[in-house]
């Protein structure tokens, strides 16, 4: 968990917008954080809607992303076999091999 907090801190340290609530990212803050990572505005909004517990809906208080959401995302490869989801044949290169 500590490394997730560090990762979240590093992501938010580059954020040019002051966080409305420390430790939480609202949609506009999340878009700003992901921009240097190469995510487009629509991609950031879609990812936000998947990570937010409330589905990214405009709620009061606003939907947010926290370090717990980042931790869940980091654990995803432990929960799901990514190669199986891709529905690729056994003879195909794995995602790691493809990226090399």
Protein backbone atom coordinates (compact mmCIF):
# COMPACT_ATOMS: atom_id res chain seq x y z
CA UNK A 1 0.00 0.00 0.00
CA UNK A 2 2.84 2.41 0.76
CA UNK A 3 4.18 2.23 -2.80
CA UNK A 4 0.70 3.09 -4.12
CA UNK A 5 0.64 6.17 -1.89
CA UNK A 6 4.04 7.16 -3.28
CA UNK A 7 2.83 6.61 -6.85
CA UNK A 8 -0.31 8.64 -6.19
CA UNK A 9 1.84 11.38 -4.65
CA UNK A 10 4.13 11.45 -7.68
CA UNK A 11 1.18 11.62 -10.07
CA UNK A 12 -0.43 14.45 -8.16
CA UNK A 13 2.84 16.36 -7.57
CA UNK A 14 2.96 17.14 -11.29
CA UNK A 15 -0.63 18.26 -11.26
CA UNK A 16 -0.78 21.93 -12.27
CA UNK A 17 -4.20 22.30 -10.63
CA UNK A 18 -4.41 22.44 -6.86
CA UNK A 19 -6.45 19.50 -5.64
CA UNK A 20 -9.85 20.49 -4.29
CA UNK A 21 -9.59 17.64 -1.77
CA UNK A 22 -6.09 16.38 -0.91
CA UNK A 23 -5.78 12.64 -1.56
CA UNK A 24 -8.60 12.67 -4.12
CA UNK A 25 -8.69 13.60 -7.79
CA UNK A 26 -11.81 15.00 -9.39
CA UNK A 27 -12.33 14.51 -13.12
CA UNK A 28 -10.67 17.75 -14.22
CA UNK A 29 -7.67 17.02 -11.99
CA UNK A 30 -7.46 13.42 -13.23
CA UNK A 31 -7.37 14.62 -16.87
CA UNK A 32 -4.51 16.98 -16.02
CA UNK A 33 -2.54 14.23 -14.26
CA UNK A 34 -2.90 11.81 -17.19
CA UNK A 35 -2.09 14.31 -19.94
CA UNK A 36 1.74 13.96 -19.56
CA UNK A 37 1.28 10.17 -19.67
CA UNK A 38 -0.13 10.45 -23.20
CA UNK A 39 -3.82 9.96 -22.44
CA UNK A 40 -6.29 12.03 -24.43
CA UNK A 41 -9.15 13.87 -22.76
CA UNK A 42 -11.75 11.24 -23.85
CA UNK A 43 -9.47 8.39 -22.74
CA UNK A 44 -8.96 10.03 -19.34
CA UNK A 45 -12.69 10.54 -18.91
CA UNK A 46 -13.41 6.92 -19.81
CA UNK A 47 -10.75 5.63 -17.43
CA UNK A 48 -12.10 7.89 -14.69
CA UNK A 49 -15.60 6.51 -15.18
CA UNK A 50 -14.25 2.95 -14.86
CA UNK A 51 -12.19 3.66 -11.74
CA UNK A 52 -14.65 5.83 -9.86
CA UNK A 53 -16.92 3.92 -7.49
CA UNK A 54 -19.91 5.92 -8.67
CA UNK A 55 -19.22 5.30 -12.35
CA UNK A 56 -17.97 8.82 -13.04
CA UNK A 57 -21.41 10.32 -12.76
CA UNK A 58 -21.81 13.95 -11.88
CA UNK A 59 -22.66 13.55 -8.23
CA UNK A 60 -22.62 15.71 -5.17
CA UNK A 61 -20.01 15.55 -3.83
CA UNK A 62 -18.14 15.13 -7.13
CA UNK A 63 -16.84 11.72 -8.12
CA UNK A 64 -13.19 11.15 -7.23
CA UNK A 65 -10.23 8.83 -7.75
CA UNK A 66 -8.06 7.93 -4.75
CA UNK A 67 -4.89 5.94 -4.07
CA UNK A 68 -7.15 2.92 -3.40
CA UNK A 69 -8.37 3.08 -7.00
CA UNK A 70 -4.77 3.15 -8.24
CA UNK A 71 -3.98 0.17 -5.98
CA UNK A 72 -6.87 -1.76 -7.50
CA UNK A 73 -5.59 -0.96 -10.98
CA UNK A 74 -2.10 -2.19 -10.07
CA UNK A 75 -3.58 -5.49 -8.80
CA UNK A 76 -5.59 -6.07 -11.97
CA UNK A 77 -3.01 -8.39 -13.61
CA UNK A 78 -3.12 -10.55 -10.46
CA UNK A 79 -6.90 -10.78 -10.65
CA UNK A 80 -7.34 -11.27 -14.38
CA UNK A 81 -5.20 -13.09 -16.95
CA UNK A 82 -4.75 -10.28 -19.46
CA UNK A 83 -3.69 -12.66 -22.27
CA UNK A 84 -6.90 -14.67 -21.80
CA UNK A 85 -9.04 -11.57 -22.07
CA UNK A 86 -7.35 -10.60 -25.31
CA UNK A 87 -8.67 -13.85 -26.85
CA UNK A 88 -5.46 -14.36 -28.80
CA UNK A 89 -4.32 -17.78 -30.01
CA UNK A 90 -1.68 -19.62 -27.96
CA UNK A 91 0.83 -19.14 -30.78
CA UNK A 92 0.47 -15.34 -30.67
CA UNK A 93 2.97 -13.18 -28.84
CA UNK A 94 2.04 -12.18 -25.31
CA UNK A 95 1.47 -8.51 -24.55
CA UNK A 96 4.97 -8.22 -23.05
CA UNK A 97 6.54 -9.93 -26.07
CA UNK A 98 4.58 -7.68 -28.40
CA UNK A 99 5.78 -4.56 -26.60
CA UNK A 100 9.42 -5.64 -26.91
